[in-house]
Amino acid sequence: MKIDIGIDEAQRQKIADGLSRVLADTYALYLKTHAFHWNVTGPQFQALHTLFETQYTELAVAVDDIAERIRALGVFAPGSYSQFAKLSSIREEPGVPKAEDMVRQLAQDNEAVVRTARAVIPTAEEAHDEASVDLLVGRMSTHEKTAWMLRSMVS
């Protein structure tokens, strides 16, 4: 069926392209956070293990919300590692850094997601796509708070 939500096809595609970058960043951050949850060691093990679990659980829900918004715009959401790798600004961590370095990386990566989301908002606003703007603002708020909490844990 034809989509008639008051946003033309070209605008929907442009918004979905931006949301796809947010999705890729979010998924990459989910994977990294989950891996750090599994592999963290040291005196802060219990606190960080629990914190990382809370964060990756929230990110799993976010991935679904973002992908479903892309689909609501009539565009297929990316869903492969290769697509996410091309779209994401989050760097993979091939090793197992020390706990404090994990916290630093996750703080920086949460800030990266904020920057990616912020860059998409003008496109969504121009199309009067308040639903996408709302999603993006919510993601920014969550990632800004998470980054602040993580930054507060390191010197």
N, C-alpha and C. Protein backbone atom coordinates (compact mmCIF):
# COMPACT_ATOMS: atom_id res chain seq x y z
N MET A 1 0.83 -1.19 0.00
CA MET A 1 0.00 0.00 0.00
C MET A 1 0.87 1.25 0.00
N LYS A 2 0.34 2.28 -0.58
CA LYS A 2 1.02 3.57 -0.59
C LYS A 2 0.99 4.17 0.82
N ILE A 3 2.08 4.79 1.19
CA ILE A 3 2.18 5.45 2.50
C ILE A 3 1.76 6.90 2.34
N ASP A 4 0.82 7.34 3.18
CA ASP A 4 0.33 8.72 3.14
C ASP A 4 0.25 9.27 4.56
N ILE A 5 1.44 9.62 5.10
CA ILE A 5 1.51 10.14 6.47
C ILE A 5 1.88 11.62 6.50
N GLY A 6 1.82 12.27 5.35
CA GLY A 6 2.13 13.69 5.29
C GLY A 6 3.59 14.01 5.10
N ILE A 7 4.39 13.00 4.83
CA ILE A 7 5.82 13.19 4.57
C ILE A 7 6.11 12.49 3.25
N ASP A 8 6.64 13.23 2.28
CA ASP A 8 6.83 12.60 0.97
C ASP A 8 7.94 11.56 1.00
N GLU A 9 7.97 10.74 -0.02
CA GLU A 9 8.87 9.58 -0.07
C GLU A 9 10.34 9.98 0.05
N ALA A 10 10.74 11.04 -0.63
CA ALA A 10 12.14 11.46 -0.58
C ALA A 10 12.53 11.89 0.83
N GLN A 11 11.65 12.61 1.50
CA GLN A 11 11.93 13.03 2.87
C GLN A 11 11.97 11.82 3.81
N ARG A 12 11.03 10.90 3.63
CA ARG A 12 11.03 9.69 4.47
C ARG A 12 12.33 8.92 4.29
N GLN A 13 12.81 8.81 3.06
CA GLN A 13 14.06 8.09 2.80
C GLN A 13 15.24 8.79 3.47
N LYS A 14 15.28 10.11 3.38
CA LYS A 14 16.37 10.87 3.97
C LYS A 14 16.38 10.71 5.50
N ILE A 15 15.20 10.78 6.10
CA ILE A 15 15.10 10.59 7.55
C ILE A 15 15.52 9.16 7.92
N ALA A 16 15.03 8.18 7.17
CA ALA A 16 15.36 6.79 7.43
C ALA A 16 16.86 6.54 7.29
N ASP A 17 17.51 7.21 6.34
CA ASP A 17 18.96 7.08 6.19
C ASP A 17 19.67 7.55 7.46
N GLY A 18 19.21 8.68 7.99
CA GLY A 18 19.79 9.18 9.25
C GLY A 18 19.50 8.26 10.41
N LEU A 19 18.26 7.80 10.50
CA LEU A 19 17.91 6.86 11.56
C LEU A 19 18.68 5.56 11.45
N SER A 20 19.02 5.16 10.24
CA SER A 20 19.83 3.95 10.04
C SER A 20 21.22 4.12 10.64
N ARG A 21 21.77 5.32 10.56
CA ARG A 21 23.06 5.58 11.20
C ARG A 21 22.93 5.53 12.72
N VAL A 22 21.83 6.07 13.23
CA VAL A 22 21.58 6.00 14.68
C VAL A 22 21.40 4.54 15.10
N LEU A 23 20.69 3.78 14.31
CA LEU A 23 20.50 2.35 14.59
C LEU A 23 21.84 1.62 14.61
N ALA A 24 22.68 1.89 13.63
CA ALA A 24 23.99 1.23 13.56
C ALA A 24 24.86 1.59 14.76
N ASP A 25 24.87 2.86 15.13
CA ASP A 25 25.63 3.28 16.31
C ASP A 25 25.08 2.60 17.57
N THR A 26 23.77 2.55 17.68
CA THR A 26 23.14 1.97 18.86
C THR A 26 23.44 0.48 18.95
N TYR A 27 23.38 -0.20 17.82
CA TYR A 27 23.66 -1.64 17.82
C TYR A 27 25.13 -1.90 18.14
N ALA A 28 26.01 -1.11 17.57
CA ALA A 28 27.44 -1.28 17.86
C ALA A 28 27.72 -1.03 19.34
N LEU A 29 27.07 -0.01 19.91
CA LEU A 29 27.23 0.27 21.33
C LEU A 29 26.65 -0.86 22.18
N TYR A 30 25.52 -1.41 21.75
CA TYR A 30 24.93 -2.56 22.43
C TYR A 30 25.94 -3.72 22.49
N LEU A 31 26.52 -4.05 21.34
CA LEU A 31 27.48 -5.17 21.29
C LEU A 31 28.69 -4.93 22.19
N LYS A 32 29.22 -3.72 22.13
CA LYS A 32 30.39 -3.41 22.93
C LYS A 32 30.05 -3.46 24.42
N THR A 33 28.91 -2.88 24.79
CA THR A 33 28.51 -2.86 26.19
C THR A 33 28.28 -4.28 26.71
N HIS A 34 27.67 -5.11 25.89
CA HIS A 34 27.42 -6.50 26.28
C HIS A 34 28.74 -7.25 26.46
N ALA A 35 29.67 -7.06 25.53
CA ALA A 35 30.98 -7.70 25.64
C ALA A 35 31.73 -7.24 26.89
N PHE A 36 31.64 -5.94 27.19
CA PHE A 36 32.30 -5.44 28.39
C PHE A 36 31.63 -6.02 29.64
N HIS A 37 30.34 -6.20 29.62
CA HIS A 37 29.62 -6.84 30.73
C HIS A 37 30.20 -8.24 30.99
N TRP A 38 30.41 -8.99 29.93
CA TRP A 38 30.94 -10.34 30.07
C TRP A 38 32.37 -10.36 30.59
N ASN A 39 33.16 -9.37 30.17
CA ASN A 39 34.61 -9.47 30.34
C ASN A 39 35.23 -8.52 31.36
N VAL A 40 34.44 -7.69 32.00
CA VAL A 40 35.00 -6.76 32.97
C VAL A 40 35.61 -7.52 34.16
N THR A 41 36.73 -7.01 34.67
CA THR A 41 37.39 -7.58 35.85
C THR A 41 37.86 -6.44 36.73
N GLY A 42 38.25 -6.78 37.93
CA GLY A 42 38.84 -5.79 38.82
C GLY A 42 37.95 -5.47 40.01
N PRO A 43 38.41 -4.51 40.83
CA PRO A 43 37.72 -4.20 42.08
C PRO A 43 36.29 -3.68 41.89
N GLN A 44 36.00 -3.12 40.74
CA GLN A 44 34.65 -2.61 40.47
C GLN A 44 33.81 -3.62 39.70
N PHE A 45 34.24 -4.88 39.67
CA PHE A 45 33.55 -5.87 38.86
C PHE A 45 32.04 -5.86 39.05
N GLN A 46 31.58 -6.04 40.27
CA GLN A 46 30.15 -6.20 40.50
C GLN A 46 29.38 -4.96 40.05
N ALA A 47 29.85 -3.79 40.41
CA ALA A 47 29.16 -2.55 40.04
C ALA A 47 29.12 -2.37 38.53
N LEU A 48 30.25 -2.60 37.85
CA LEU A 48 30.30 -2.41 36.40
C LEU A 48 29.55 -3.51 35.67
N HIS A 49 29.65 -4.73 36.13
CA HIS A 49 28.93 -5.84 35.52
C HIS A 49 27.42 -5.54 35.53
N THR A 50 26.92 -5.07 36.65
CA THR A 50 25.50 -4.73 36.79
C THR A 50 25.15 -3.50 35.95
N LEU A 51 25.99 -2.48 36.00
CA LEU A 51 25.74 -1.26 35.23
C LEU A 51 25.69 -1.56 33.74
N PHE A 52 26.66 -2.30 33.25
CA PHE A 52 26.70 -2.63 31.82
C PHE A 52 25.48 -3.45 31.41
N GLU A 53 25.02 -4.33 32.28
CA GLU A 53 23.81 -5.10 31.96
C GLU A 53 22.60 -4.19 31.84
N THR A 54 22.46 -3.25 32.74
CA THR A 54 21.36 -2.28 32.66
C THR A 54 21.43 -1.51 31.36
N GLN A 55 22.64 -1.11 30.98
CA GLN A 55 22.81 -0.32 29.76
C GLN A 55 22.54 -1.14 28.51
N TYR A 56 23.07 -2.36 28.40
CA TYR A 56 22.83 -3.11 27.18
C TYR A 56 21.38 -3.55 27.06
N THR A 57 20.71 -3.74 28.18
CA THR A 57 19.28 -4.08 28.13
C THR A 57 18.48 -2.91 27.57
N GLU A 58 18.80 -1.70 28.01
CA GLU A 58 18.12 -0.50 27.49
C GLU A 58 18.43 -0.33 26.01
N LEU A 59 19.65 -0.59 25.61
CA LEU A 59 20.04 -0.46 24.20
C LEU A 59 19.32 -1.47 23.32
N ALA A 60 19.07 -2.67 23.82
CA ALA A 60 18.35 -3.68 23.04
C ALA A 60 16.94 -3.20 22.71
N VAL A 61 16.29 -2.56 23.66
CA VAL A 61 14.96 -2.00 23.41
C VAL A 61 15.05 -0.85 22.41
N ALA A 62 16.07 -0.03 22.56
CA ALA A 62 16.25 1.12 21.67
C ALA A 62 16.46 0.70 20.23
N VAL A 63 17.25 -0.35 20.02
CA VAL A 63 17.49 -0.86 18.67
C VAL A 63 16.16 -1.20 17.99
N ASP A 64 15.30 -1.86 18.72
CA ASP A 64 14.00 -2.24 18.18
C ASP A 64 13.15 -1.00 17.87
N ASP A 65 13.13 -0.04 18.78
CA ASP A 65 12.35 1.19 18.57
C ASP A 65 12.82 1.95 17.33
N ILE A 66 14.12 2.06 17.16
CA ILE A 66 14.67 2.80 16.02
C ILE A 66 14.36 2.07 14.72
N ALA A 67 14.57 0.76 14.70
CA ALA A 67 14.29 -0.02 13.48
C ALA A 67 12.81 0.06 13.12
N GLU A 68 11.95 0.00 14.11
CA GLU A 68 10.51 0.07 13.84
C GLU A 68 10.10 1.46 13.32
N ARG A 69 10.78 2.50 13.76
CA ARG A 69 10.49 3.84 13.21
C ARG A 69 10.90 3.90 11.74
N ILE A 70 12.04 3.32 11.42
CA ILE A 70 12.48 3.27 10.02
C ILE A 70 11.43 2.55 9.18
N ARG A 71 10.92 1.44 9.68
CA ARG A 71 9.89 0.69 8.95
C ARG A 71 8.60 1.49 8.83
N ALA A 72 8.23 2.24 9.86
CA ALA A 72 7.02 3.06 9.80
C ALA A 72 7.13 4.12 8.71
N LEU A 73 8.37 4.50 8.40
CA LEU A 73 8.60 5.47 7.32
C LEU A 73 8.59 4.80 5.95
N GLY A 74 8.43 3.50 5.93
CA GLY A 74 8.34 2.78 4.66
C GLY A 74 9.66 2.35 4.07
N VAL A 75 10.69 2.30 4.91
CA VAL A 75 12.03 1.94 4.45
C VAL A 75 12.47 0.70 5.23
N PHE A 76 13.22 -0.17 4.57
CA PHE A 76 13.74 -1.35 5.26
C PHE A 76 14.91 -0.95 6.15
N ALA A 77 14.92 -1.47 7.35
CA ALA A 77 15.99 -1.17 8.32
C ALA A 77 17.19 -2.06 8.03
N PRO A 78 18.41 -1.50 8.15
CA PRO A 78 19.59 -2.34 8.02
C PRO A 78 19.60 -3.36 9.16
N GLY A 79 20.17 -4.54 8.89
CA GLY A 79 20.13 -5.56 9.92
C GLY A 79 21.27 -6.55 9.86
N SER A 80 22.38 -6.17 9.21
CA SER A 80 23.52 -7.08 9.15
C SER A 80 24.75 -6.39 9.73
N TYR A 81 25.70 -7.20 10.17
CA TYR A 81 26.93 -6.65 10.71
C TYR A 81 27.64 -5.78 9.68
N SER A 82 27.64 -6.23 8.42
CA SER A 82 28.34 -5.45 7.39
C SER A 82 27.66 -4.10 7.16
N GLN A 83 26.34 -4.08 7.17
CA GLN A 83 25.64 -2.80 7.02
C GLN A 83 25.92 -1.90 8.21
N PHE A 84 25.84 -2.45 9.41
CA PHE A 84 26.09 -1.64 10.60
C PHE A 84 27.52 -1.11 10.61
N ALA A 85 28.48 -1.93 10.19
CA ALA A 85 29.88 -1.50 10.16
C ALA A 85 30.07 -0.31 9.22
N LYS A 86 29.37 -0.32 8.09
CA LYS A 86 29.48 0.80 7.14
C LYS A 86 28.84 2.07 7.68
N LEU A 87 27.78 1.93 8.47
CA LEU A 87 27.00 3.08 8.92
C LEU A 87 27.42 3.65 10.27
N SER A 88 28.09 2.84 11.08
CA SER A 88 28.35 3.24 12.47
C SER A 88 29.60 4.10 12.62
N SER A 89 29.53 5.00 13.58
CA SER A 89 30.71 5.79 13.96
C SER A 89 31.41 5.20 15.18
N ILE A 90 30.85 4.15 15.74
CA ILE A 90 31.42 3.51 16.94
C ILE A 90 32.52 2.55 16.51
N ARG A 91 33.69 2.69 17.13
CA ARG A 91 34.80 1.79 16.82
C ARG A 91 34.67 0.51 17.62
N GLU A 92 34.95 -0.60 16.95
CA GLU A 92 34.95 -1.89 17.64
C GLU A 92 36.15 -1.96 18.58
N GLU A 93 35.98 -2.73 19.63
CA GLU A 93 37.08 -3.00 20.55
C GLU A 93 37.42 -4.48 20.41
N PRO A 94 38.54 -4.79 19.73
CA PRO A 94 38.87 -6.20 19.50
C PRO A 94 39.44 -6.89 20.74
N GLY A 95 39.91 -6.12 21.69
CA GLY A 95 40.53 -6.71 22.88
C GLY A 95 39.64 -6.58 24.11
N VAL A 96 40.26 -6.77 25.25
CA VAL A 96 39.57 -6.62 26.53
C VAL A 96 40.33 -5.57 27.33
N PRO A 97 39.89 -4.32 27.25
CA PRO A 97 40.59 -3.26 27.98
C PRO A 97 40.36 -3.38 29.49
N LYS A 98 41.14 -2.64 30.24
CA LYS A 98 40.95 -2.56 31.69
C LYS A 98 39.60 -1.91 31.97
N ALA A 99 39.07 -2.15 33.13
CA ALA A 99 37.73 -1.68 33.49
C ALA A 99 37.57 -0.17 33.28
N GLU A 100 38.54 0.60 33.73
CA GLU A 100 38.44 2.06 33.60
C GLU A 100 38.43 2.47 32.12
N ASP A 101 39.18 1.78 31.29
CA ASP A 101 39.17 2.07 29.86
C ASP A 101 37.84 1.68 29.22
N MET A 102 37.23 0.61 29.72
CA MET A 102 35.89 0.25 29.25
C MET A 102 34.92 1.40 29.52
N VAL A 103 34.98 1.91 30.73
CA VAL A 103 34.08 3.01 31.12
C VAL A 103 34.33 4.23 30.23
N ARG A 104 35.58 4.56 30.01
CA ARG A 104 35.92 5.71 29.14
C ARG A 104 35.38 5.51 27.73
N GLN A 105 35.62 4.32 27.17
CA GLN A 105 35.15 4.05 25.81
C GLN A 105 33.63 4.17 25.73
N LEU A 106 32.93 3.60 26.70
CA LEU A 106 31.47 3.65 26.65
C LEU A 106 30.96 5.08 26.81
N ALA A 107 31.62 5.88 27.62
CA ALA A 107 31.24 7.29 27.74
C ALA A 107 31.39 7.99 26.39
N GLN A 108 32.53 7.79 25.75
CA GLN A 108 32.78 8.41 24.45
C GLN A 108 31.80 7.89 23.39
N ASP A 109 31.50 6.61 23.44
CA ASP A 109 30.59 6.02 22.45
C ASP A 109 29.16 6.52 22.64
N ASN A 110 28.74 6.70 23.88
CA ASN A 110 27.42 7.27 24.12
C ASN A 110 27.36 8.69 23.58
N GLU A 111 28.42 9.44 23.74
CA GLU A 111 28.48 10.80 23.17
C GLU A 111 28.42 10.75 21.65
N ALA A 112 29.06 9.75 21.05
CA ALA A 112 29.02 9.61 19.58
C ALA A 112 27.59 9.37 19.10
N VAL A 113 26.83 8.56 19.82
CA VAL A 113 25.44 8.32 19.44
C VAL A 113 24.65 9.63 19.53
N VAL A 114 24.92 10.42 20.53
CA VAL A 114 24.25 11.72 20.66
C VAL A 114 24.54 12.58 19.43
N ARG A 115 25.79 12.63 19.02
CA ARG A 115 26.16 13.45 17.85
C ARG A 115 25.45 12.95 16.59
N THR A 116 25.38 11.64 16.43
CA THR A 116 24.71 11.07 15.26
C THR A 116 23.23 11.42 15.28
N ALA A 117 22.59 11.25 16.42
CA ALA A 117 21.16 11.58 16.54
C ALA A 117 20.91 13.06 16.31
N ARG A 118 21.76 13.90 16.89
CA ARG A 118 21.60 15.35 16.74
C ARG A 118 21.68 15.78 15.27
N ALA A 119 22.51 15.11 14.51
CA ALA A 119 22.68 15.46 13.10
C ALA A 119 21.44 15.12 12.26
N VAL A 120 20.61 14.20 12.73
CA VAL A 120 19.41 13.79 11.98
C VAL A 120 18.21 14.69 12.28
N ILE A 121 18.21 15.32 13.42
CA ILE A 121 17.04 16.11 13.84
C ILE A 121 16.65 17.18 12.82
N PRO A 122 17.57 17.97 12.27
CA PRO A 122 17.13 19.00 11.32
C PRO A 122 16.38 18.43 10.11
N THR A 123 16.79 17.26 9.64
CA THR A 123 16.11 16.63 8.52
C THR A 123 14.68 16.24 8.91
N ALA A 124 14.54 15.67 10.09
CA ALA A 124 13.20 15.28 10.56
C ALA A 124 12.34 16.51 10.83
N GLU A 125 12.94 17.55 11.39
CA GLU A 125 12.18 18.78 11.66
C GLU A 125 11.70 19.42 10.36
N GLU A 126 12.57 19.45 9.37
CA GLU A 126 12.21 20.05 8.08
C GLU A 126 11.00 19.36 7.46
N ALA A 127 10.88 18.05 7.70
CA ALA A 127 9.76 17.27 7.15
C ALA A 127 8.55 17.27 8.09
N HIS A 128 8.66 17.96 9.21
CA HIS A 128 7.60 17.97 10.24
C HIS A 128 7.32 16.56 10.73
N ASP A 129 8.40 15.78 10.88
CA ASP A 129 8.31 14.41 11.37
C ASP A 129 8.56 14.40 12.87
N GLU A 130 7.54 14.81 13.60
CA GLU A 130 7.66 14.93 15.05
C GLU A 130 7.91 13.59 15.72
N ALA A 131 7.40 12.51 15.15
CA ALA A 131 7.63 11.19 15.74
C ALA A 131 9.11 10.83 15.73
N SER A 132 9.79 11.09 14.62
CA SER A 132 11.23 10.82 14.56
C SER A 132 12.00 11.78 15.45
N VAL A 133 11.60 13.05 15.47
CA VAL A 133 12.25 14.02 16.35
C VAL A 133 12.13 13.56 17.81
N ASP A 134 10.93 13.15 18.20
CA ASP A 134 10.70 12.69 19.57
C ASP A 134 11.59 11.50 19.90
N LEU A 135 11.67 10.54 19.00
CA LEU A 135 12.53 9.38 19.20
C LEU A 135 13.98 9.81 19.37
N LEU A 136 14.44 10.69 18.50
CA LEU A 136 15.83 11.14 18.53
C LEU A 136 16.14 11.93 19.80
N VAL A 137 15.25 12.80 20.20
CA VAL A 137 15.46 13.58 21.43
C VAL A 137 15.51 12.64 22.64
N GLY A 138 14.64 11.65 22.66
CA GLY A 138 14.67 10.68 23.75
C GLY A 138 15.98 9.91 23.79
N ARG A 139 16.46 9.50 22.62
CA ARG A 139 17.73 8.78 22.56
C ARG A 139 18.87 9.69 23.03
N MET A 140 18.87 10.94 22.59
CA MET A 140 19.92 11.87 23.01
C MET A 140 19.92 12.03 24.52
N SER A 141 18.76 12.21 25.09
CA SER A 141 18.65 12.38 26.54
C SER A 141 19.21 11.18 27.28
N THR A 142 18.85 9.99 26.85
CA THR A 142 19.34 8.77 27.48
C THR A 142 20.86 8.66 27.36
N HIS A 143 21.39 8.90 26.16
CA HIS A 143 22.84 8.75 25.96
C HIS A 143 23.63 9.84 26.66
N GLU A 144 23.08 11.06 26.72
CA GLU A 144 23.78 12.12 27.46
C GLU A 144 23.86 11.79 28.94
N LYS A 145 22.76 11.28 29.51
CA LYS A 145 22.76 10.91 30.92
C LYS A 145 23.72 9.74 31.17
N THR A 146 23.70 8.75 30.29
CA THR A 146 24.59 7.60 30.44
C THR A 146 26.05 8.03 30.36
N ALA A 147 26.36 8.90 29.41
CA ALA A 147 27.74 9.39 29.28
C ALA A 147 28.17 10.14 30.54
N TRP A 148 27.28 10.96 31.06
CA TRP A 148 27.59 11.70 32.29
C TRP A 148 27.89 10.73 33.45
N MET A 149 27.05 9.72 33.60
CA MET A 149 27.25 8.75 34.68
C MET A 149 28.57 8.01 34.51
N LEU A 150 28.88 7.61 33.29
CA LEU A 150 30.14 6.92 33.06
C LEU A 150 31.34 7.83 33.28
N ARG A 151 31.25 9.07 32.79
CA ARG A 151 32.36 10.03 33.02
C ARG A 151 32.59 10.24 34.51
N SER A 152 31.52 10.20 35.30
CA SER A 152 31.63 10.43 36.73
C SER A 152 32.37 9.31 37.47
N MET A 153 32.54 8.18 36.81
CA MET A 153 33.18 7.03 37.43
C MET A 153 34.69 7.01 37.24
N VAL A 154 35.21 7.84 36.34
CA VAL A 154 36.65 7.84 36.06
C VAL A 154 37.24 9.22 36.35
N SER A 155 38.52 9.23 36.61
CA SER A 155 39.18 10.51 36.91
C SER A 155 39.79 11.12 35.67
